[in-house]
Amino acid sequence: IEARVFEILDCRERHSEKTMAELYDPDLSPSDLIIAHENLDEIVDACYRKRPFEDDSERLQSLFEMYEEMIMVENK
C-alpha cells in the first residue's frame, strides 16, 4: 500500500504545474495518475475481499455493510 501511495505522490509531482482540481478533473486527470490510483484501489480492495469491486458504488455498499455489522457487534 505504501509503495502505491508513493506512486501517486510521484505522479502528482510529475504534474506539479496542475492544481489538485485539474489533477482530479475527470477530463484533465493525467493517465498515469489514474493508473496509480487504480493500482492502489486494487491492493486496498484485496484487503476486504478476493474479487475486485465492480465500481465505487459497490465498494461503498460493502463498506457500509461492514460498518453496520461492526456497530451491531459493539451494541450487543
N, C-alpha and C. Protein backbone atom coordinates (compact mmCIF):
# COMPACT_ATOMS: atom_id res chain seq x y z
N ILE A 1 0.85 -1.19 0.00
CA ILE A 1 0.00 0.00 0.00
C ILE A 1 0.89 1.25 0.00
N GLU A 2 1.90 1.22 0.85
CA GLU A 2 2.77 2.38 0.95
C GLU A 2 3.45 2.70 -0.39
N ALA A 3 3.89 1.68 -1.08
CA ALA A 3 4.54 1.90 -2.38
C ALA A 3 3.57 2.53 -3.38
N ARG A 4 2.32 2.10 -3.34
CA ARG A 4 1.32 2.65 -4.27
C ARG A 4 0.99 4.10 -3.92
N VAL A 5 0.97 4.43 -2.63
CA VAL A 5 0.75 5.82 -2.23
C VAL A 5 1.88 6.70 -2.75
N PHE A 6 3.11 6.21 -2.63
CA PHE A 6 4.24 6.99 -3.14
C PHE A 6 4.20 7.11 -4.67
N GLU A 7 3.66 6.09 -5.33
CA GLU A 7 3.48 6.17 -6.78
C GLU A 7 2.53 7.32 -7.12
N ILE A 8 1.46 7.46 -6.37
CA ILE A 8 0.51 8.56 -6.58
C ILE A 8 1.18 9.90 -6.32
N LEU A 9 1.93 9.98 -5.23
CA LEU A 9 2.63 11.24 -4.93
C LEU A 9 3.64 11.59 -6.01
N ASP A 10 4.34 10.58 -6.54
CA ASP A 10 5.29 10.82 -7.62
C ASP A 10 4.58 11.33 -8.87
N CYS A 11 3.42 10.76 -9.18
CA CYS A 11 2.64 11.23 -10.34
C CYS A 11 2.23 12.68 -10.15
N ARG A 12 1.77 13.01 -8.97
CA ARG A 12 1.37 14.39 -8.70
C ARG A 12 2.56 15.33 -8.89
N GLU A 13 3.71 14.90 -8.43
CA GLU A 13 4.92 15.73 -8.56
C GLU A 13 5.30 15.92 -10.03
N ARG A 14 5.16 14.87 -10.83
CA ARG A 14 5.47 14.98 -12.26
C ARG A 14 4.54 15.97 -12.96
N HIS A 15 3.39 16.19 -12.38
CA HIS A 15 2.40 17.10 -12.96
C HIS A 15 2.18 18.30 -12.03
N SER A 16 3.27 18.79 -11.45
CA SER A 16 3.18 19.85 -10.43
C SER A 16 2.64 21.17 -10.98
N GLU A 17 2.61 21.30 -12.30
CA GLU A 17 2.06 22.53 -12.88
C GLU A 17 0.53 22.56 -12.80
N LYS A 18 -0.07 21.40 -12.50
CA LYS A 18 -1.53 21.31 -12.41
C LYS A 18 -1.98 21.50 -10.96
N THR A 19 -3.14 22.10 -10.81
CA THR A 19 -3.75 22.22 -9.49
C THR A 19 -4.36 20.87 -9.11
N MET A 20 -4.71 20.70 -7.83
CA MET A 20 -5.38 19.47 -7.42
C MET A 20 -6.70 19.30 -8.17
N ALA A 21 -7.39 20.40 -8.39
CA ALA A 21 -8.65 20.34 -9.14
C ALA A 21 -8.42 19.81 -10.55
N GLU A 22 -7.35 20.25 -11.18
CA GLU A 22 -7.04 19.76 -12.53
C GLU A 22 -6.59 18.31 -12.51
N LEU A 23 -5.79 17.95 -11.49
CA LEU A 23 -5.31 16.57 -11.40
C LEU A 23 -6.46 15.58 -11.27
N TYR A 24 -7.53 15.99 -10.60
CA TYR A 24 -8.63 15.07 -10.35
C TYR A 24 -9.89 15.38 -11.14
N ASP A 25 -9.79 16.29 -12.09
CA ASP A 25 -10.90 16.55 -13.01
C ASP A 25 -10.97 15.37 -13.98
N PRO A 26 -12.13 14.73 -14.11
CA PRO A 26 -12.24 13.56 -14.99
C PRO A 26 -11.78 13.81 -16.43
N ASP A 27 -11.89 15.04 -16.89
CA ASP A 27 -11.48 15.34 -18.26
C ASP A 27 -10.02 15.74 -18.38
N LEU A 28 -9.37 16.07 -17.26
CA LEU A 28 -8.00 16.57 -17.30
C LEU A 28 -6.98 15.69 -16.58
N SER A 29 -7.44 14.74 -15.81
CA SER A 29 -6.55 13.91 -14.99
C SER A 29 -5.56 13.15 -15.87
N PRO A 30 -4.27 13.24 -15.54
CA PRO A 30 -3.26 12.51 -16.32
C PRO A 30 -3.47 11.00 -16.21
N SER A 31 -3.24 10.30 -17.30
CA SER A 31 -3.49 8.86 -17.32
C SER A 31 -2.61 8.11 -16.32
N ASP A 32 -1.37 8.56 -16.09
CA ASP A 32 -0.52 7.86 -15.13
C ASP A 32 -1.05 8.00 -13.71
N LEU A 33 -1.69 9.11 -13.39
CA LEU A 33 -2.29 9.29 -12.07
C LEU A 33 -3.52 8.39 -11.91
N ILE A 34 -4.30 8.29 -12.94
CA ILE A 34 -5.47 7.40 -12.91
C ILE A 34 -5.03 5.96 -12.67
N ILE A 35 -4.00 5.54 -13.40
CA ILE A 35 -3.49 4.17 -13.25
C ILE A 35 -2.93 3.96 -11.85
N ALA A 36 -2.22 4.95 -11.32
CA ALA A 36 -1.66 4.83 -9.97
C ALA A 36 -2.77 4.64 -8.94
N HIS A 37 -3.86 5.38 -9.10
CA HIS A 37 -4.99 5.22 -8.17
C HIS A 37 -5.66 3.86 -8.35
N GLU A 38 -5.77 3.40 -9.57
CA GLU A 38 -6.35 2.08 -9.81
C GLU A 38 -5.50 0.99 -9.16
N ASN A 39 -4.17 1.15 -9.24
CA ASN A 39 -3.26 0.18 -8.62
C ASN A 39 -3.46 0.16 -7.11
N LEU A 40 -3.60 1.32 -6.50
CA LEU A 40 -3.84 1.39 -5.06
C LEU A 40 -5.20 0.78 -4.71
N ASP A 41 -6.23 1.13 -5.48
CA ASP A 41 -7.56 0.57 -5.24
C ASP A 41 -7.54 -0.95 -5.25
N GLU A 42 -6.81 -1.53 -6.20
CA GLU A 42 -6.75 -2.98 -6.33
C GLU A 42 -6.17 -3.62 -5.06
N ILE A 43 -5.12 -3.03 -4.53
CA ILE A 43 -4.49 -3.58 -3.33
C ILE A 43 -5.39 -3.41 -2.11
N VAL A 44 -5.97 -2.24 -1.96
CA VAL A 44 -6.85 -1.99 -0.81
C VAL A 44 -8.09 -2.88 -0.89
N ASP A 45 -8.67 -3.00 -2.08
CA ASP A 45 -9.84 -3.86 -2.25
C ASP A 45 -9.53 -5.30 -1.83
N ALA A 46 -8.34 -5.76 -2.14
CA ALA A 46 -7.95 -7.14 -1.81
C ALA A 46 -7.89 -7.35 -0.30
N CYS A 47 -7.78 -6.29 0.46
CA CYS A 47 -7.80 -6.40 1.93
C CYS A 47 -9.20 -6.75 2.43
N TYR A 48 -10.20 -6.47 1.62
CA TYR A 48 -11.59 -6.66 2.04
C TYR A 48 -12.23 -7.90 1.44
N ARG A 49 -11.82 -8.28 0.24
CA ARG A 49 -12.40 -9.47 -0.38
C ARG A 49 -11.53 -9.94 -1.54
N LYS A 50 -11.79 -11.17 -1.99
CA LYS A 50 -10.93 -11.76 -3.01
C LYS A 50 -11.14 -11.18 -4.40
N ARG A 51 -12.37 -10.92 -4.77
CA ARG A 51 -12.61 -10.38 -6.11
C ARG A 51 -12.75 -8.86 -6.04
N PRO A 52 -12.31 -8.17 -7.07
CA PRO A 52 -12.38 -6.70 -7.05
C PRO A 52 -13.81 -6.19 -7.06
N PHE A 53 -13.99 -4.99 -6.56
CA PHE A 53 -15.30 -4.35 -6.62
C PHE A 53 -15.55 -3.90 -8.06
N GLU A 54 -16.79 -3.96 -8.46
CA GLU A 54 -17.16 -3.55 -9.83
C GLU A 54 -16.97 -2.05 -10.03
N ASP A 55 -17.33 -1.28 -8.99
CA ASP A 55 -17.25 0.18 -9.10
C ASP A 55 -17.29 0.78 -7.69
N ASP A 56 -17.21 2.10 -7.63
CA ASP A 56 -17.22 2.78 -6.34
C ASP A 56 -18.51 2.55 -5.57
N SER A 57 -19.61 2.43 -6.28
CA SER A 57 -20.90 2.21 -5.63
C SER A 57 -20.90 0.87 -4.88
N GLU A 58 -20.40 -0.16 -5.52
CA GLU A 58 -20.34 -1.47 -4.87
C GLU A 58 -19.35 -1.43 -3.69
N ARG A 59 -18.24 -0.72 -3.85
CA ARG A 59 -17.26 -0.58 -2.79
C ARG A 59 -17.90 0.09 -1.57
N LEU A 60 -18.60 1.19 -1.80
CA LEU A 60 -19.25 1.91 -0.70
C LEU A 60 -20.31 1.05 -0.02
N GLN A 61 -21.08 0.34 -0.80
CA GLN A 61 -22.11 -0.53 -0.24
C GLN A 61 -21.47 -1.56 0.68
N SER A 62 -20.40 -2.16 0.25
CA SER A 62 -19.72 -3.16 1.06
C SER A 62 -19.16 -2.55 2.34
N LEU A 63 -18.56 -1.37 2.23
CA LEU A 63 -18.01 -0.72 3.42
C LEU A 63 -19.10 -0.34 4.42
N PHE A 64 -20.24 0.15 3.92
CA PHE A 64 -21.35 0.46 4.82
C PHE A 64 -21.90 -0.79 5.49
N GLU A 65 -21.95 -1.90 4.77
CA GLU A 65 -22.41 -3.16 5.36
C GLU A 65 -21.47 -3.61 6.47
N MET A 66 -20.16 -3.49 6.23
CA MET A 66 -19.18 -3.85 7.26
C MET A 66 -19.32 -2.93 8.47
N TYR A 67 -19.57 -1.65 8.22
CA TYR A 67 -19.76 -0.69 9.31
C TYR A 67 -20.99 -1.05 10.14
N GLU A 68 -22.09 -1.39 9.47
CA GLU A 68 -23.31 -1.77 10.17
C GLU A 68 -23.07 -3.00 11.04
N GLU A 69 -22.33 -3.99 10.52
CA GLU A 69 -22.02 -5.19 11.29
C GLU A 69 -21.18 -4.83 12.52
N MET A 70 -20.22 -3.94 12.33
CA MET A 70 -19.35 -3.52 13.43
C MET A 70 -20.18 -2.84 14.53
N ILE A 71 -21.11 -1.98 14.12
CA ILE A 71 -21.96 -1.28 15.09
C ILE A 71 -22.84 -2.27 15.84
N MET A 72 -23.39 -3.26 15.13
CA MET A 72 -24.24 -4.26 15.80
C MET A 72 -23.44 -5.05 16.83
N VAL A 73 -22.21 -5.41 16.52
CA VAL A 73 -21.38 -6.15 17.45
C VAL A 73 -21.08 -5.29 18.68
N GLU A 74 -20.78 -4.03 18.47
CA GLU A 74 -20.48 -3.12 19.58
C GLU A 74 -21.68 -2.91 20.48
N ASN A 75 -22.89 -2.94 19.92
CA ASN A 75 -24.10 -2.67 20.69
C ASN A 75 -24.65 -3.90 21.39
N LYS A 76 -24.02 -5.06 21.23
CA LYS A 76 -24.51 -6.28 21.89
C LYS A 76 -24.08 -6.31 23.32
